């Protein structure tokens, strides 16, 4: 039964009908984290069209508005041409507002490098 399970697993998970691996297309992506005190931000970066979302919301809605520029610093330093070819999704938990902002900024900077 173990060989049957192994064959079933490989056919369903590794070589599934809708799987990207079955189409010989691998998505280039990187997953990095940023920390500040108790806040932890995880950024998932892949090729795309310049979309940047934090906890599912566009970066323009990050609060407080004063600290929004701190989140955008890595993007502004590198320029829009370098950032335009990637999509980034960031999720952040823990800490306070300011710690979360700095954790997001660190995760974005590490992902772009």
C-alpha atoms as a PDB file:
ATOM      1  CA  UNK A   1       0.000   0.000   0.000  1.00  0.00           C
ATOM      2  CA  UNK A   2       2.926   2.341   0.547  1.00  0.00           C
ATOM      3  CA  UNK A   3       3.990   2.263  -3.107  1.00  0.00           C
ATOM      4  CA  UNK A   4       0.386   2.869  -4.127  1.00  0.00           C
ATOM      5  CA  UNK A   5       0.222   5.856  -1.772  1.00  0.00           C
ATOM      6  CA  UNK A   6       3.519   7.183  -3.164  1.00  0.00           C
ATOM      7  CA  UNK A   7       2.235   6.916  -6.725  1.00  0.00           C
ATOM      8  CA  UNK A   8      -1.021   8.615  -5.757  1.00  0.00           C
ATOM      9  CA  UNK A   9       0.856  11.401  -3.943  1.00  0.00           C
ATOM     10  CA  UNK A  10       3.201  12.064  -6.866  1.00  0.00           C
ATOM     11  CA  UNK A  11       0.382  12.081  -9.408  1.00  0.00           C
ATOM     12  CA  UNK A  12      -1.826  14.433  -7.353  1.00  0.00           C
ATOM     13  CA  UNK A  13       0.619  16.772  -5.668  1.00  0.00           C
ATOM     14  CA  UNK A  14       3.767  16.875  -7.758  1.00  0.00           C
ATOM     15  CA  UNK A  15       2.328  16.394 -11.208  1.00  0.00           C
ATOM     16  CA  UNK A  16      -1.205  17.729 -10.807  1.00  0.00           C
ATOM     17  CA  UNK A  17      -3.191  18.834 -13.835  1.00  0.00           C
ATOM     18  CA  UNK A  18      -3.135  22.524 -12.909  1.00  0.00           C
ATOM     19  CA  UNK A  19       0.360  22.441 -11.468  1.00  0.00           C
ATOM     20  CA  UNK A  20       2.964  24.867 -12.746  1.00  0.00           C
ATOM     21  CA  UNK A  21       5.622  22.175 -12.464  1.00  0.00           C
ATOM     22  CA  UNK A  22       3.706  20.024 -14.911  1.00  0.00           C
ATOM     23  CA  UNK A  23       3.924  22.864 -17.408  1.00  0.00           C
ATOM     24  CA  UNK A  24       7.693  23.241 -16.781  1.00  0.00           C
ATOM     25  CA  UNK A  25       7.167  26.823 -15.603  1.00  0.00           C
ATOM     26  CA  UNK A  26       8.630  27.721 -12.253  1.00  0.00           C
ATOM     27  CA  UNK A  27       7.790  31.037 -10.659  1.00  0.00           C
ATOM     28  CA  UNK A  28      10.902  32.859  -9.458  1.00  0.00           C
ATOM     29  CA  UNK A  29      10.086  34.101  -5.986  1.00  0.00           C
ATOM     30  CA  UNK A  30      11.700  34.920  -2.699  1.00  0.00           C
ATOM     31  CA  UNK A  31      10.256  34.998   0.799  1.00  0.00           C
ATOM     32  CA  UNK A  32      12.050  37.105   3.404  1.00  0.00           C
ATOM     33  CA  UNK A  33      11.265  38.543   6.811  1.00  0.00           C
ATOM     34  CA  UNK A  34      11.885  41.770   8.673  1.00  0.00           C
ATOM     35  CA  UNK A  35      11.742  42.237  12.433  1.00  0.00           C
ATOM     36  CA  UNK A  36      11.553  45.176  14.776  1.00  0.00           C
ATOM     37  CA  UNK A  37      11.065  44.377  18.449  1.00  0.00           C
ATOM     38  CA  UNK A  38       7.967  42.118  18.531  1.00  0.00           C
ATOM     39  CA  UNK A  39       6.699  42.921  15.020  1.00  0.00           C
ATOM     40  CA  UNK A  40       7.458  40.394  12.281  1.00  0.00           C
ATOM     41  CA  UNK A  41       6.794  41.104   8.603  1.00  0.00           C
ATOM     42  CA  UNK A  42       7.070  38.428   5.917  1.00  0.00           C
ATOM     43  CA  UNK A  43       7.402  39.581   2.303  1.00  0.00           C
ATOM     44  CA  UNK A  44       6.728  37.290  -0.639  1.00  0.00           C
ATOM     45  CA  UNK A  45       8.237  38.762  -3.802  1.00  0.00           C
ATOM     46  CA  UNK A  46       7.776  37.424  -7.348  1.00  0.00           C
ATOM     47  CA  UNK A  47       7.847  38.703 -10.915  1.00  0.00           C
ATOM     48  CA  UNK A  48       4.876  40.870 -11.788  1.00  0.00           C
ATOM     49  CA  UNK A  49       3.691  44.398 -12.461  1.00  0.00           C
ATOM     50  CA  UNK A  50       4.714  46.446  -9.413  1.00  0.00           C
ATOM     51  CA  UNK A  51       1.886  45.565  -7.028  1.00  0.00           C
ATOM     52  CA  UNK A  52       2.706  46.109  -3.354  1.00  0.00           C
ATOM     53  CA  UNK A  53       0.177  44.980  -0.745  1.00  0.00           C
ATOM     54  CA  UNK A  54       0.405  44.894   3.033  1.00  0.00           C
ATOM     55  CA  UNK A  55      -1.991  42.494   4.764  1.00  0.00           C
ATOM     56  CA  UNK A  56      -4.056  42.383   1.563  1.00  0.00           C
ATOM     57  CA  UNK A  57      -4.456  46.183   1.259  1.00  0.00           C
ATOM     58  CA  UNK A  58      -2.634  48.485  -1.164  1.00  0.00           C
ATOM     59  CA  UNK A  59       0.397  50.262   0.213  1.00  0.00           C
ATOM     60  CA  UNK A  60      -1.381  53.623  -0.157  1.00  0.00           C
ATOM     61  CA  UNK A  61      -3.714  52.671   2.706  1.00  0.00           C
ATOM     62  CA  UNK A  62      -0.982  51.987   5.274  1.00  0.00           C
ATOM     63  CA  UNK A  63      -1.644  53.888   8.503  1.00  0.00           C
ATOM     64  CA  UNK A  64      -0.381  56.109  10.065  1.00  0.00           C
ATOM     65  CA  UNK A  65       0.049  58.249   6.963  1.00  0.00           C
ATOM     66  CA  UNK A  66       3.143  60.008   8.329  1.00  0.00           C
ATOM     67  CA  UNK A  67       5.025  56.712   8.525  1.00  0.00           C
ATOM     68  CA  UNK A  68       3.891  55.580   5.063  1.00  0.00           C
ATOM     69  CA  UNK A  69       7.015  57.193   3.589  1.00  0.00           C
ATOM     70  CA  UNK A  70       9.161  54.967   5.789  1.00  0.00           C
ATOM     71  CA  UNK A  71       7.551  51.933   4.143  1.00  0.00           C
ATOM     72  CA  UNK A  72       8.135  53.413   0.686  1.00  0.00           C
ATOM     73  CA  UNK A  73      11.799  54.351   1.292  1.00  0.00           C
ATOM     74  CA  UNK A  74      13.302  51.191  -0.309  1.00  0.00           C
ATOM     75  CA  UNK A  75      11.083  51.632  -3.370  1.00  0.00           C
ATOM     76  CA  UNK A  76      11.895  55.335  -3.674  1.00  0.00           C
ATOM     77  CA  UNK A  77      15.636  54.715  -3.281  1.00  0.00           C
ATOM     78  CA  UNK A  78      15.812  52.055  -5.985  1.00  0.00           C
ATOM     79  CA  UNK A  79      13.433  53.787  -8.357  1.00  0.00           C
ATOM     80  CA  UNK A  80      10.278  52.659 -10.067  1.00  0.00           C
ATOM     81  CA  UNK A  81      12.121  50.910 -12.936  1.00  0.00           C
ATOM     82  CA  UNK A  82      13.669  48.348 -10.586  1.00  0.00           C
ATOM     83  CA  UNK A  83      10.492  47.848  -8.581  1.00  0.00           C
ATOM     84  CA  UNK A  84       8.113  47.797 -11.575  1.00  0.00           C
ATOM     85  CA  UNK A  85       8.910  44.192 -12.478  1.00  0.00           C
ATOM     86  CA  UNK A  86       7.956  42.577  -9.167  1.00  0.00           C
ATOM     87  CA  UNK A  87       4.817  41.944  -7.142  1.00  0.00           C
ATOM     88  CA  UNK A  88       5.174  41.924  -3.393  1.00  0.00           C
ATOM     89  CA  UNK A  89       2.783  40.760  -0.715  1.00  0.00           C
ATOM     90  CA  UNK A  90       3.684  41.553   2.888  1.00  0.00           C
ATOM     91  CA  UNK A  91       1.961  40.293   6.004  1.00  0.00           C
ATOM     92  CA  UNK A  92       2.817  41.696   9.385  1.00  0.00           C
ATOM     93  CA  UNK A  93       1.881  40.716  12.946  1.00  0.00           C
ATOM     94  CA  UNK A  94       2.784  41.722  16.448  1.00  0.00           C
ATOM     95  CA  UNK A  95       4.242  44.878  17.924  1.00  0.00           C
ATOM     96  CA  UNK A  96       2.842  48.379  17.653  1.00  0.00           C
ATOM     97  CA  UNK A  97       2.230  50.621  14.665  1.00  0.00           C
ATOM     98  CA  UNK A  98       5.744  52.011  14.444  1.00  0.00           C
ATOM     99  CA  UNK A  99       7.429  48.647  14.927  1.00  0.00           C
ATOM    100  CA  UNK A 100       5.249  47.149  12.207  1.00  0.00           C
ATOM    101  CA  UNK A 101       6.182  49.954   9.806  1.00  0.00           C
ATOM    102  CA  UNK A 102       9.902  49.395  10.357  1.00  0.00           C
ATOM    103  CA  UNK A 103       9.510  45.610  10.050  1.00  0.00           C
ATOM    104  CA  UNK A 104       7.663  46.066   6.732  1.00  0.00           C
ATOM    105  CA  UNK A 105      10.391  48.411   5.489  1.00  0.00           C
ATOM    106  CA  UNK A 106      13.109  45.902   6.356  1.00  0.00           C
ATOM    107  CA  UNK A 107      11.274  43.020   4.669  1.00  0.00           C
ATOM    108  CA  UNK A 108      10.740  45.038   1.462  1.00  0.00           C
ATOM    109  CA  UNK A 109      14.385  46.089   1.361  1.00  0.00           C
ATOM    110  CA  UNK A 110      15.617  42.525   1.850  1.00  0.00           C
ATOM    111  CA  UNK A 111      13.262  41.199  -0.819  1.00  0.00           C
ATOM    112  CA  UNK A 112      14.384  43.719  -3.423  1.00  0.00           C
ATOM    113  CA  UNK A 113      18.074  43.008  -2.847  1.00  0.00           C
END
